[in-house]
Amino acid sequence: MAIIITDECINCGACEPECPNTAIYEGAEDWRYQDGTSLSGDVILPNGKNINADVFQEPVSDEIYFIVPDKCTECKGFHDEPQCAAVCPVDCCVPDNDIQESEETLLGKQKFMHPDS
């Protein structure tokens, strides 16, 4: 499953630089699928969603840091544990129970976004 940032977030920003997928953004910040990945132009994500990786997307949250679920791999393929959760001083980076993904799916997303890693 993806990781989510809860409303207990104090907006310290410790999590953002730790994400190997650049899936974490400051509240109200527009984001792109291409940020920190090898994605470019029109692509079909592993979940079947058609996107243009170069186009800015609306923020998931306007108030606190947020994680883009389509880009979150729980750090699989990079680290043994989610780095955002490891550095969060208030433990607000937690599994998103609404997005259940197997380790195989997470590793597949990681390889899709970073084919040379």
C-alpha atoms as a PDB file:
ATOM      1  CA  MET A   1       0.000   0.000   0.000  1.00  0.00           C
ATOM      2  CA  ALA A   2       1.050   3.596  -0.423  1.00  0.00           C
ATOM      3  CA  ILE A   3       2.024   5.835   2.457  1.00  0.00           C
ATOM      4  CA  ILE A   4      -0.166   8.792   3.422  1.00  0.00           C
ATOM      5  CA  ILE A   5       0.615  11.874   5.497  1.00  0.00           C
ATOM      6  CA  THR A   6      -2.014  12.492   8.169  1.00  0.00           C
ATOM      7  CA  ASP A   7      -3.328  15.856   9.402  1.00  0.00           C
ATOM      8  CA  GLU A   8      -0.960  15.601  12.372  1.00  0.00           C
ATOM      9  CA  CYS A   9       1.743  16.805   9.941  1.00  0.00           C
ATOM     10  CA  ILE A  10       3.614  19.839  11.326  1.00  0.00           C
ATOM     11  CA  ASN A  11       4.935  20.813   7.860  1.00  0.00           C
ATOM     12  CA  CYS A  12       8.560  20.383   8.914  1.00  0.00           C
ATOM     13  CA  GLY A  13       9.551  19.041   5.477  1.00  0.00           C
ATOM     14  CA  ALA A  14      11.850  16.298   6.815  1.00  0.00           C
ATOM     15  CA  CYS A  15      10.174  13.684   4.614  1.00  0.00           C
ATOM     16  CA  GLU A  16      10.374  15.431   1.242  1.00  0.00           C
ATOM     17  CA  PRO A  17      14.110  15.054   0.468  1.00  0.00           C
ATOM     18  CA  GLU A  18      14.086  11.430   1.667  1.00  0.00           C
ATOM     19  CA  CYS A  19      11.690  10.178  -1.026  1.00  0.00           C
ATOM     20  CA  PRO A  20      13.563   8.348  -3.815  1.00  0.00           C
ATOM     21  CA  ASN A  21      10.550   8.742  -6.136  1.00  0.00           C
ATOM     22  CA  THR A  22       9.983  12.459  -5.509  1.00  0.00           C
ATOM     23  CA  ALA A  23       6.434  11.521  -4.491  1.00  0.00           C
ATOM     24  CA  ILE A  24       6.270  13.974  -1.571  1.00  0.00           C
ATOM     25  CA  TYR A  25       5.370  17.610  -2.087  1.00  0.00           C
ATOM     26  CA  GLU A  26       4.686  20.623   0.094  1.00  0.00           C
ATOM     27  CA  GLY A  27       1.009  21.462   0.542  1.00  0.00           C
ATOM     28  CA  ALA A  28      -0.531  23.487  -2.322  1.00  0.00           C
ATOM     29  CA  GLU A  29       2.411  22.646  -4.641  1.00  0.00           C
ATOM     30  CA  ASP A  30       1.650  21.522  -8.191  1.00  0.00           C
ATOM     31  CA  TRP A  31       3.500  18.336  -9.101  1.00  0.00           C
ATOM     32  CA  ARG A  32       4.427  16.203 -12.120  1.00  0.00           C
ATOM     33  CA  TYR A  33       4.898  12.503 -12.700  1.00  0.00           C
ATOM     34  CA  GLN A  34       8.258  13.264 -14.329  1.00  0.00           C
ATOM     35  CA  ASP A  35       9.670  14.837 -11.149  1.00  0.00           C
ATOM     36  CA  GLY A  36      12.471  12.560  -9.955  1.00  0.00           C
ATOM     37  CA  THR A  37      11.541   9.732 -12.356  1.00  0.00           C
ATOM     38  CA  SER A  38      12.389   8.623 -15.899  1.00  0.00           C
ATOM     39  CA  LEU A  39       8.817   9.275 -17.052  1.00  0.00           C
ATOM     40  CA  SER A  40       8.279  11.705 -19.905  1.00  0.00           C
ATOM     41  CA  GLY A  41       5.435  12.563 -22.261  1.00  0.00           C
ATOM     42  CA  ASP A  42       2.339  10.388 -22.644  1.00  0.00           C
ATOM     43  CA  VAL A  43       2.573   7.150 -20.650  1.00  0.00           C
ATOM     44  CA  ILE A  44       0.290   4.481 -19.282  1.00  0.00           C
ATOM     45  CA  LEU A  45       0.978   3.847 -15.602  1.00  0.00           C
ATOM     46  CA  PRO A  46       1.140   0.256 -14.301  1.00  0.00           C
ATOM     47  CA  ASN A  47      -2.376   0.777 -12.875  1.00  0.00           C
ATOM     48  CA  GLY A  48      -3.688   1.519 -16.395  1.00  0.00           C
ATOM     49  CA  LYS A  49      -4.082   5.279 -15.949  1.00  0.00           C
ATOM     50  CA  ASN A  50      -3.158   7.374 -19.037  1.00  0.00           C
ATOM     51  CA  ILE A  51      -1.152  10.464 -18.074  1.00  0.00           C
ATOM     52  CA  ASN A  52       1.242  13.009 -19.524  1.00  0.00           C
ATOM     53  CA  ALA A  53       4.264  12.993 -17.214  1.00  0.00           C
ATOM     54  CA  ASP A  54       5.248  16.538 -18.190  1.00  0.00           C
ATOM     55  CA  VAL A  55       1.946  18.179 -17.213  1.00  0.00           C
ATOM     56  CA  PHE A  56       1.557  19.774 -13.786  1.00  0.00           C
ATOM     57  CA  GLN A  57      -1.098  18.159 -11.572  1.00  0.00           C
ATOM     58  CA  GLU A  58      -3.158  19.764  -8.833  1.00  0.00           C
ATOM     59  CA  PRO A  59      -1.973  19.325  -5.232  1.00  0.00           C
ATOM     60  CA  VAL A  60      -3.382  16.428  -3.221  1.00  0.00           C
ATOM     61  CA  SER A  61      -3.503  18.756  -0.191  1.00  0.00           C
ATOM     62  CA  ASP A  62      -3.475  22.527   0.129  1.00  0.00           C
ATOM     63  CA  GLU A  63      -2.497  22.550   3.796  1.00  0.00           C
ATOM     64  CA  ILE A  64       0.075  19.851   4.581  1.00  0.00           C
ATOM     65  CA  TYR A  65       2.779  17.887   2.814  1.00  0.00           C
ATOM     66  CA  PHE A  66       1.303  15.110   0.686  1.00  0.00           C
ATOM     67  CA  ILE A  67       2.360  11.911  -1.040  1.00  0.00           C
ATOM     68  CA  VAL A  68       1.274  11.138  -4.603  1.00  0.00           C
ATOM     69  CA  PRO A  69      -0.032   7.546  -4.360  1.00  0.00           C
ATOM     70  CA  ASP A  70       0.800   6.692  -7.998  1.00  0.00           C
ATOM     71  CA  LYS A  71       4.465   7.532  -7.321  1.00  0.00           C
ATOM     72  CA  CYS A  72       4.796   5.972  -3.844  1.00  0.00           C
ATOM     73  CA  THR A  73       6.515   2.584  -3.697  1.00  0.00           C
ATOM     74  CA  GLU A  74       7.078   2.564   0.085  1.00  0.00           C
ATOM     75  CA  CYS A  75      10.766   2.891  -0.926  1.00  0.00           C
ATOM     76  CA  LYS A  76      10.740  -0.701  -2.288  1.00  0.00           C
ATOM     77  CA  GLY A  77      13.724  -1.174  -4.571  1.00  0.00           C
ATOM     78  CA  PHE A  78      15.645   1.546  -2.721  1.00  0.00           C
ATOM     79  CA  HIS A  79      15.392   0.977   1.053  1.00  0.00           C
ATOM     80  CA  ASP A  80      14.159  -1.608   3.562  1.00  0.00           C
ATOM     81  CA  GLU A  81      11.533   0.748   5.009  1.00  0.00           C
ATOM     82  CA  PRO A  82       9.675   3.903   3.965  1.00  0.00           C
ATOM     83  CA  GLN A  83      12.135   6.717   4.549  1.00  0.00           C
ATOM     84  CA  CYS A  84       9.432   9.341   5.112  1.00  0.00           C
ATOM     85  CA  ALA A  85       8.121   7.365   8.086  1.00  0.00           C
ATOM     86  CA  ALA A  86      11.654   6.792   9.382  1.00  0.00           C
ATOM     87  CA  VAL A  87      12.434  10.524   9.584  1.00  0.00           C
ATOM     88  CA  CYS A  88       9.019  11.921  10.531  1.00  0.00           C
ATOM     89  CA  PRO A  89       9.255  13.494  14.005  1.00  0.00           C
ATOM     90  CA  VAL A  90       5.503  13.162  14.663  1.00  0.00           C
ATOM     91  CA  ASP A  91       4.869   9.734  13.078  1.00  0.00           C
ATOM     92  CA  CYS A  92       2.322  11.032  10.574  1.00  0.00           C
ATOM     93  CA  CYS A  93       3.625   9.067   7.554  1.00  0.00           C
ATOM     94  CA  VAL A  94       1.537   5.906   7.800  1.00  0.00           C
ATOM     95  CA  PRO A  95       0.242   3.165   5.479  1.00  0.00           C
ATOM     96  CA  ASP A  96      -2.796   4.228   3.454  1.00  0.00           C
ATOM     97  CA  ASN A  97      -5.332   1.494   4.125  1.00  0.00           C
ATOM     98  CA  ASP A  98      -7.383   2.659   1.119  1.00  0.00           C
ATOM     99  CA  ILE A  99      -4.585   1.761  -1.310  1.00  0.00           C
ATOM    100  CA  GLN A 100      -3.565  -1.882  -0.947  1.00  0.00           C
ATOM    101  CA  GLU A 101      -0.570  -2.904  -3.105  1.00  0.00           C
ATOM    102  CA  SER A 102       1.571  -6.023  -2.958  1.00  0.00           C
ATOM    103  CA  GLU A 103       5.350  -5.901  -2.735  1.00  0.00           C
ATOM    104  CA  GLU A 104       5.435  -7.154  -6.332  1.00  0.00           C
ATOM    105  CA  THR A 105       3.230  -4.244  -7.453  1.00  0.00           C
ATOM    106  CA  LEU A 106       5.364  -1.723  -5.553  1.00  0.00           C
ATOM    107  CA  LEU A 107       8.574  -3.110  -7.055  1.00  0.00           C
ATOM    108  CA  GLY A 108       6.935  -3.004 -10.498  1.00  0.00           C
ATOM    109  CA  LYS A 109       6.105   0.689 -10.036  1.00  0.00           C
ATOM    110  CA  GLN A 110       9.673   1.353  -8.930  1.00  0.00           C
ATOM    111  CA  LYS A 111      11.120  -0.337 -12.045  1.00  0.00           C
ATOM    112  CA  PHE A 112       8.592   1.487 -14.254  1.00  0.00           C
ATOM    113  CA  MET A 113       9.633   4.904 -12.912  1.00  0.00           C
ATOM    114  CA  HIS A 114      13.356   4.085 -12.634  1.00  0.00           C
ATOM    115  CA  PRO A 115      14.162   1.466 -15.301  1.00  0.00           C
ATOM    116  CA  ASP A 116      17.929   1.963 -14.973  1.00  0.00           C
ATOM    117  CA  SER A 117      18.116   1.479 -11.203  1.00  0.00           C
END
